[in-house]
């Protein structure tokens, strides 16, 4: 199992996150059609890169993944609420995400953007940068 799949399983299994997004989970990008008239909160997630953890004695056997989670909604309040739920889910102390053994997770704010170019519905995206030390 990849860390991407583990992240998805971790978030999809969290009832607070799932209550807001339902089945609106997307790898890498939220499709444009999701921003139509009755837009609902959604999440896009992706892996920005991975490295091997090294010690003075050589490789530790851990991998370090840098991931991004974009929480999108039609209002700032809902986007920030979703981001807070995602953060809480990822930092709940669980040692596994699916079959992936997680040793450390860190979640940092990644910024916020707003777009009302659709003319009818505003899109607000709150991004989170996630760093995970894991053994898959």
N, C-alpha and C. Protein backbone atom coordinates (compact mmCIF):
# COMPACT_ATOMS: atom_id res chain seq x y z
N UNK A 1 0.84 -1.17 0.00
CA UNK A 1 0.00 0.00 0.00
C UNK A 1 0.89 1.24 0.00
N UNK A 2 0.53 2.23 -0.78
CA UNK A 2 1.30 3.47 -0.83
C UNK A 2 0.86 4.41 0.29
N UNK A 3 1.68 5.40 0.58
CA UNK A 3 1.31 6.40 1.59
C UNK A 3 0.10 7.20 1.12
N UNK A 4 -0.04 7.41 -0.18
CA UNK A 4 -1.21 8.11 -0.72
C UNK A 4 -2.49 7.34 -0.38
N UNK A 5 -2.45 6.02 -0.59
CA UNK A 5 -3.61 5.19 -0.26
C UNK A 5 -3.87 5.19 1.24
N UNK A 6 -2.80 5.15 2.03
CA UNK A 6 -2.93 5.20 3.48
C UNK A 6 -3.57 6.51 3.95
N UNK A 7 -3.15 7.62 3.36
CA UNK A 7 -3.73 8.92 3.70
C UNK A 7 -5.21 8.93 3.37
N UNK A 8 -5.56 8.44 2.18
CA UNK A 8 -6.96 8.41 1.79
C UNK A 8 -7.78 7.55 2.76
N UNK A 9 -7.27 6.37 3.10
CA UNK A 9 -8.00 5.49 4.02
C UNK A 9 -8.15 6.14 5.40
N UNK A 10 -7.11 6.82 5.85
CA UNK A 10 -7.15 7.48 7.15
C UNK A 10 -8.26 8.55 7.17
N UNK A 11 -8.29 9.40 6.16
CA UNK A 11 -9.28 10.47 6.11
C UNK A 11 -10.69 9.94 5.82
N UNK A 12 -10.79 8.98 4.92
CA UNK A 12 -12.09 8.42 4.56
C UNK A 12 -12.72 7.68 5.74
N UNK A 13 -11.88 7.18 6.63
CA UNK A 13 -12.38 6.46 7.80
C UNK A 13 -12.73 7.35 8.97
N UNK A 14 -12.49 8.64 8.85
CA UNK A 14 -12.78 9.58 9.93
C UNK A 14 -14.19 10.12 9.75
N UNK A 15 -15.06 9.87 10.72
CA UNK A 15 -16.47 10.25 10.58
C UNK A 15 -16.68 11.76 10.49
N UNK A 16 -15.86 12.55 11.19
CA UNK A 16 -16.02 14.01 11.14
C UNK A 16 -15.68 14.56 9.76
N UNK A 17 -14.62 14.03 9.15
CA UNK A 17 -14.24 14.46 7.80
C UNK A 17 -15.28 13.97 6.80
N UNK A 18 -15.63 12.72 6.92
CA UNK A 18 -16.57 12.11 5.98
C UNK A 18 -17.94 12.81 6.02
N UNK A 19 -18.33 13.31 7.19
CA UNK A 19 -19.62 14.00 7.31
C UNK A 19 -19.68 15.23 6.41
N UNK A 20 -18.56 15.89 6.19
CA UNK A 20 -18.54 17.07 5.32
C UNK A 20 -18.33 16.75 3.86
N UNK A 21 -17.47 15.78 3.55
CA UNK A 21 -17.12 15.57 2.14
C UNK A 21 -17.83 14.39 1.47
N UNK A 22 -18.42 13.51 2.26
CA UNK A 22 -19.06 12.35 1.64
C UNK A 22 -18.07 11.58 0.80
N UNK A 23 -18.35 11.45 -0.50
CA UNK A 23 -17.48 10.72 -1.42
C UNK A 23 -16.69 11.65 -2.34
N UNK A 24 -16.57 12.91 -1.97
CA UNK A 24 -15.89 13.89 -2.83
C UNK A 24 -14.40 13.97 -2.48
N UNK A 25 -13.65 12.92 -2.84
CA UNK A 25 -12.20 12.80 -2.62
C UNK A 25 -11.55 12.67 -3.98
N UNK A 26 -10.49 13.40 -4.21
CA UNK A 26 -9.87 13.36 -5.53
C UNK A 26 -8.35 13.34 -5.40
N UNK A 27 -7.69 12.45 -6.13
CA UNK A 27 -6.23 12.50 -6.16
C UNK A 27 -5.78 13.70 -7.00
N UNK A 28 -4.92 14.49 -6.43
CA UNK A 28 -4.25 15.61 -7.09
C UNK A 28 -5.08 16.86 -7.36
N UNK A 29 -6.27 16.75 -7.94
CA UNK A 29 -7.01 17.95 -8.32
C UNK A 29 -8.52 17.72 -8.21
N UNK A 30 -9.23 18.76 -7.80
CA UNK A 30 -10.69 18.68 -7.74
C UNK A 30 -11.23 19.06 -9.12
N UNK A 31 -12.01 18.20 -9.74
CA UNK A 31 -12.51 18.49 -11.09
C UNK A 31 -13.31 19.79 -11.14
N UNK A 32 -13.20 20.51 -12.24
CA UNK A 32 -13.90 21.78 -12.42
C UNK A 32 -15.40 21.63 -12.24
N UNK A 33 -15.99 20.54 -12.64
CA UNK A 33 -17.43 20.34 -12.52
C UNK A 33 -17.92 20.39 -11.09
N UNK A 34 -17.03 20.15 -10.14
CA UNK A 34 -17.40 20.19 -8.72
C UNK A 34 -17.74 21.60 -8.27
N UNK A 35 -17.33 22.60 -9.02
CA UNK A 35 -17.57 23.99 -8.62
C UNK A 35 -18.88 24.52 -9.19
N UNK A 36 -19.71 23.63 -9.70
CA UNK A 36 -20.98 24.07 -10.26
C UNK A 36 -21.93 24.56 -9.17
N UNK A 37 -23.14 24.85 -9.55
CA UNK A 37 -24.10 25.58 -8.74
C UNK A 37 -24.25 25.11 -7.29
N UNK A 38 -24.38 23.84 -7.04
CA UNK A 38 -24.59 23.39 -5.68
C UNK A 38 -23.32 22.74 -5.15
N UNK A 39 -22.27 23.50 -5.13
CA UNK A 39 -20.98 22.98 -4.72
C UNK A 39 -20.99 22.50 -3.27
N UNK A 40 -20.41 21.36 -3.05
CA UNK A 40 -20.27 20.78 -1.73
C UNK A 40 -18.78 20.69 -1.38
N UNK A 41 -18.45 20.64 -0.10
CA UNK A 41 -17.04 20.52 0.29
C UNK A 41 -16.39 19.29 -0.35
N UNK A 42 -15.10 19.43 -0.66
CA UNK A 42 -14.36 18.34 -1.29
C UNK A 42 -12.89 18.41 -0.85
N UNK A 43 -12.20 17.30 -1.07
CA UNK A 43 -10.77 17.21 -0.74
C UNK A 43 -10.01 16.70 -1.94
N UNK A 44 -8.87 17.34 -2.21
CA UNK A 44 -7.89 16.80 -3.15
C UNK A 44 -6.63 16.53 -2.34
N UNK A 45 -5.96 15.44 -2.65
CA UNK A 45 -4.76 15.07 -1.90
C UNK A 45 -3.71 14.55 -2.88
N UNK A 46 -2.46 14.73 -2.52
CA UNK A 46 -1.40 14.25 -3.39
C UNK A 46 -0.07 14.23 -2.69
N UNK A 47 0.82 13.46 -3.26
CA UNK A 47 2.16 13.28 -2.73
C UNK A 47 3.11 14.19 -3.51
N UNK A 48 3.76 15.11 -2.82
CA UNK A 48 4.68 16.05 -3.47
C UNK A 48 6.08 15.47 -3.63
N UNK A 49 6.39 14.43 -2.88
CA UNK A 49 7.71 13.82 -2.98
C UNK A 49 8.04 13.01 -1.75
N UNK A 50 9.01 12.12 -1.91
CA UNK A 50 9.44 11.27 -0.81
C UNK A 50 10.95 11.16 -0.80
N UNK A 51 11.49 10.96 0.39
CA UNK A 51 12.92 10.72 0.56
C UNK A 51 13.10 9.61 1.59
N UNK A 52 14.29 9.03 1.60
CA UNK A 52 14.62 8.05 2.62
C UNK A 52 15.23 8.77 3.80
N UNK A 53 14.81 8.37 5.00
CA UNK A 53 15.38 8.94 6.21
C UNK A 53 16.77 8.34 6.41
N UNK A 54 17.73 9.17 6.74
CA UNK A 54 19.10 8.69 6.94
C UNK A 54 19.60 9.10 8.33
N UNK A 55 20.39 8.25 8.90
CA UNK A 55 21.05 8.54 10.17
C UNK A 55 22.55 8.53 9.94
N UNK A 56 23.32 8.79 10.97
CA UNK A 56 24.78 8.73 10.83
C UNK A 56 25.25 7.32 10.52
N UNK A 57 24.43 6.33 10.86
CA UNK A 57 24.78 4.93 10.60
C UNK A 57 24.22 4.41 9.29
N UNK A 58 23.59 5.29 8.51
CA UNK A 58 23.01 4.88 7.23
C UNK A 58 21.51 4.99 7.24
N UNK A 59 20.84 4.36 6.26
CA UNK A 59 19.38 4.47 6.15
C UNK A 59 18.68 3.91 7.39
N UNK A 60 17.63 4.60 7.81
CA UNK A 60 16.88 4.17 9.00
C UNK A 60 15.78 3.17 8.65
N UNK A 61 15.46 3.07 7.37
CA UNK A 61 14.35 2.22 6.96
C UNK A 61 13.03 2.97 6.86
N UNK A 62 13.04 4.23 7.28
CA UNK A 62 11.83 5.05 7.18
C UNK A 62 11.85 5.86 5.90
N UNK A 63 10.65 6.20 5.43
CA UNK A 63 10.50 7.11 4.31
C UNK A 63 9.82 8.36 4.85
N UNK A 64 10.17 9.50 4.26
CA UNK A 64 9.56 10.77 4.62
C UNK A 64 8.79 11.25 3.39
N UNK A 65 7.48 11.39 3.55
CA UNK A 65 6.63 11.86 2.45
C UNK A 65 6.15 13.27 2.76
N UNK A 66 6.18 14.10 1.74
CA UNK A 66 5.60 15.44 1.82
C UNK A 66 4.34 15.41 0.96
N UNK A 67 3.22 15.67 1.61
CA UNK A 67 1.94 15.57 0.92
C UNK A 67 1.17 16.87 1.09
N UNK A 68 0.19 17.05 0.24
CA UNK A 68 -0.69 18.22 0.35
C UNK A 68 -2.13 17.75 0.34
N UNK A 69 -2.92 18.41 1.19
CA UNK A 69 -4.36 18.16 1.23
C UNK A 69 -5.03 19.51 1.02
N UNK A 70 -5.86 19.61 -0.02
CA UNK A 70 -6.59 20.84 -0.31
C UNK A 70 -8.03 20.64 0.11
N UNK A 71 -8.50 21.50 1.02
CA UNK A 71 -9.87 21.44 1.52
C UNK A 71 -10.66 22.55 0.85
N UNK A 72 -11.63 22.20 0.01
CA UNK A 72 -12.35 23.19 -0.76
C UNK A 72 -13.82 23.22 -0.37
N UNK A 73 -14.34 24.45 -0.25
CA UNK A 73 -15.75 24.65 0.10
C UNK A 73 -16.22 25.97 -0.51
N UNK A 74 -17.49 26.27 -0.33
CA UNK A 74 -18.02 27.50 -0.92
C UNK A 74 -17.92 28.70 0.01
N UNK A 75 -17.53 28.47 1.27
CA UNK A 75 -17.33 29.59 2.20
C UNK A 75 -16.04 29.39 2.98
N UNK A 76 -15.42 30.47 3.44
CA UNK A 76 -14.22 30.33 4.25
C UNK A 76 -14.46 29.52 5.53
N UNK A 77 -15.60 29.72 6.17
CA UNK A 77 -15.88 29.02 7.42
C UNK A 77 -15.90 27.50 7.23
N UNK A 78 -16.54 27.04 6.17
CA UNK A 78 -16.63 25.60 5.92
C UNK A 78 -15.28 25.05 5.50
N UNK A 79 -14.54 25.77 4.66
CA UNK A 79 -13.20 25.31 4.24
C UNK A 79 -12.27 25.19 5.44
N UNK A 80 -12.30 26.17 6.34
CA UNK A 80 -11.46 26.11 7.54
C UNK A 80 -11.91 25.01 8.49
N UNK A 81 -13.21 24.80 8.60
CA UNK A 81 -13.72 23.71 9.43
C UNK A 81 -13.26 22.36 8.90
N UNK A 82 -13.35 22.18 7.59
CA UNK A 82 -12.89 20.94 6.98
C UNK A 82 -11.40 20.74 7.22
N UNK A 83 -10.61 21.80 7.05
CA UNK A 83 -9.16 21.70 7.29
C UNK A 83 -8.88 21.32 8.74
N UNK A 84 -9.63 21.87 9.68
CA UNK A 84 -9.44 21.53 11.09
C UNK A 84 -9.77 20.06 11.35
N UNK A 85 -10.81 19.56 10.69
CA UNK A 85 -11.18 18.15 10.85
C UNK A 85 -10.11 17.24 10.26
N UNK A 86 -9.57 17.62 9.11
CA UNK A 86 -8.50 16.84 8.48
C UNK A 86 -7.28 16.81 9.40
N UNK A 87 -6.90 17.97 9.92
CA UNK A 87 -5.75 18.06 10.81
C UNK A 87 -5.94 17.17 12.04
N UNK A 88 -7.11 17.24 12.66
CA UNK A 88 -7.39 16.42 13.84
C UNK A 88 -7.33 14.93 13.52
N UNK A 89 -7.85 14.54 12.36
CA UNK A 89 -7.83 13.14 11.97
C UNK A 89 -6.40 12.64 11.77
N UNK A 90 -5.57 13.45 11.13
CA UNK A 90 -4.20 13.02 10.84
C UNK A 90 -3.31 13.02 12.09
N UNK A 91 -3.68 13.80 13.08
CA UNK A 91 -2.85 13.90 14.29
C UNK A 91 -3.50 13.22 15.50
N UNK A 92 -4.32 12.21 15.25
CA UNK A 92 -5.03 11.56 16.36
C UNK A 92 -4.19 10.52 17.09
N UNK A 93 -2.94 10.33 16.68
CA UNK A 93 -2.06 9.40 17.38
C UNK A 93 -2.10 7.98 16.85
N UNK A 94 -2.91 7.71 15.85
CA UNK A 94 -2.97 6.36 15.29
C UNK A 94 -1.63 6.00 14.66
N UNK A 95 -1.25 4.76 14.80
CA UNK A 95 0.05 4.31 14.30
C UNK A 95 -0.02 3.71 12.92
N UNK A 96 -1.21 3.51 12.40
CA UNK A 96 -1.33 2.98 11.04
C UNK A 96 -2.37 3.78 10.27
N UNK A 97 -2.07 3.97 9.00
CA UNK A 97 -3.02 4.54 8.04
C UNK A 97 -3.21 3.44 7.01
N UNK A 98 -4.30 2.70 7.11
CA UNK A 98 -4.45 1.52 6.27
C UNK A 98 -3.41 0.51 6.72
N UNK A 99 -2.57 0.04 5.78
CA UNK A 99 -1.49 -0.89 6.11
C UNK A 99 -0.16 -0.18 6.30
N UNK A 100 -0.15 1.13 6.27
CA UNK A 100 1.09 1.90 6.37
C UNK A 100 1.36 2.22 7.84
N UNK A 101 2.54 1.86 8.31
CA UNK A 101 2.95 2.14 9.70
C UNK A 101 3.49 3.56 9.77
N UNK A 102 2.80 4.43 10.51
CA UNK A 102 3.17 5.84 10.63
C UNK A 102 3.90 6.06 11.95
N UNK A 103 5.08 6.66 11.87
CA UNK A 103 5.88 6.94 13.06
C UNK A 103 5.74 8.38 13.51
N UNK A 104 5.47 9.27 12.58
CA UNK A 104 5.32 10.68 12.92
C UNK A 104 4.56 11.38 11.80
N UNK A 105 3.64 12.25 12.18
CA UNK A 105 2.92 13.06 11.20
C UNK A 105 2.91 14.50 11.69
N UNK A 106 3.08 15.40 10.76
CA UNK A 106 3.07 16.84 11.07
C UNK A 106 2.19 17.52 10.03
N UNK A 107 1.35 18.44 10.48
CA UNK A 107 0.44 19.15 9.57
C UNK A 107 0.65 20.64 9.77
N UNK A 108 0.95 21.33 8.68
CA UNK A 108 1.19 22.78 8.71
C UNK A 108 0.23 23.46 7.73
N UNK A 109 -0.15 24.71 8.03
CA UNK A 109 -0.98 25.44 7.07
C UNK A 109 -0.22 25.64 5.76
N UNK A 110 -0.95 25.53 4.67
CA UNK A 110 -0.34 25.70 3.36
C UNK A 110 -0.87 26.90 2.60
N UNK A 111 -1.74 27.68 3.24
CA UNK A 111 -2.28 28.87 2.60
C UNK A 111 -3.75 28.73 2.27
N UNK A 112 -4.31 29.85 1.84
CA UNK A 112 -5.74 29.89 1.49
C UNK A 112 -5.91 30.70 0.22
N UNK A 113 -6.79 30.23 -0.64
CA UNK A 113 -7.12 30.97 -1.85
C UNK A 113 -8.63 31.01 -2.00
N UNK A 114 -9.11 32.03 -2.65
CA UNK A 114 -10.54 32.16 -2.92
C UNK A 114 -10.71 32.51 -4.39
N UNK A 115 -11.75 31.96 -5.00
CA UNK A 115 -12.01 32.19 -6.41
C UNK A 115 -13.52 32.29 -6.61
N UNK A 116 -13.95 33.41 -7.15
CA UNK A 116 -15.37 33.53 -7.49
C UNK A 116 -15.54 33.73 -8.99
N UNK A 117 -14.59 33.19 -9.76
CA UNK A 117 -14.61 33.38 -11.21
C UNK A 117 -15.75 32.63 -11.89
N UNK A 118 -16.37 31.71 -11.17
CA UNK A 118 -17.49 30.98 -11.78
C UNK A 118 -18.70 31.89 -11.92
N UNK A 119 -18.70 33.02 -11.22
CA UNK A 119 -19.80 33.95 -11.32
C UNK A 119 -20.96 33.66 -10.40
N UNK A 120 -21.08 32.41 -9.91
CA UNK A 120 -22.21 32.09 -9.05
C UNK A 120 -21.79 31.52 -7.70
N UNK A 121 -20.72 30.79 -7.67
CA UNK A 121 -20.31 30.13 -6.44
C UNK A 121 -18.85 30.44 -6.16
N UNK A 122 -18.57 30.84 -4.96
CA UNK A 122 -17.19 31.09 -4.56
C UNK A 122 -16.54 29.77 -4.17
N UNK A 123 -15.30 29.60 -4.53
CA UNK A 123 -14.52 28.44 -4.10
C UNK A 123 -13.44 28.95 -3.15
N UNK A 124 -13.38 28.38 -1.98
CA UNK A 124 -12.34 28.71 -1.02
C UNK A 124 -11.54 27.44 -0.77
N UNK A 125 -10.23 27.52 -0.93
CA UNK A 125 -9.37 26.37 -0.72
C UNK A 125 -8.42 26.66 0.43
N UNK A 126 -8.44 25.81 1.43
CA UNK A 126 -7.48 25.88 2.53
C UNK A 126 -6.56 24.68 2.36
N UNK A 127 -5.28 24.95 2.14
CA UNK A 127 -4.31 23.88 1.89
C UNK A 127 -3.57 23.53 3.18
N UNK A 128 -3.27 22.24 3.30
CA UNK A 128 -2.48 21.75 4.42
C UNK A 128 -1.27 21.01 3.85
N UNK A 129 -0.10 21.28 4.42
CA UNK A 129 1.11 20.55 4.07
C UNK A 129 1.33 19.48 5.14
N UNK A 130 1.43 18.25 4.70
CA UNK A 130 1.53 17.11 5.61
C UNK A 130 2.87 16.42 5.39
N UNK A 131 3.62 16.23 6.47
CA UNK A 131 4.87 15.50 6.42
C UNK A 131 4.70 14.23 7.25
N UNK A 132 5.02 13.09 6.66
CA UNK A 132 4.80 11.81 7.32
C UNK A 132 6.07 10.97 7.27
N UNK A 133 6.49 10.49 8.44
CA UNK A 133 7.57 9.50 8.52
C UNK A 133 6.89 8.15 8.64
N UNK A 134 7.18 7.22 7.72
CA UNK A 134 6.45 5.98 7.69
C UNK A 134 7.31 4.82 7.18
N UNK A 135 6.78 3.64 7.40
CA UNK A 135 7.35 2.44 6.82
C UNK A 135 6.19 1.72 6.17
N UNK A 136 6.26 1.53 4.86
CA UNK A 136 5.14 0.93 4.12
C UNK A 136 5.24 -0.54 3.99
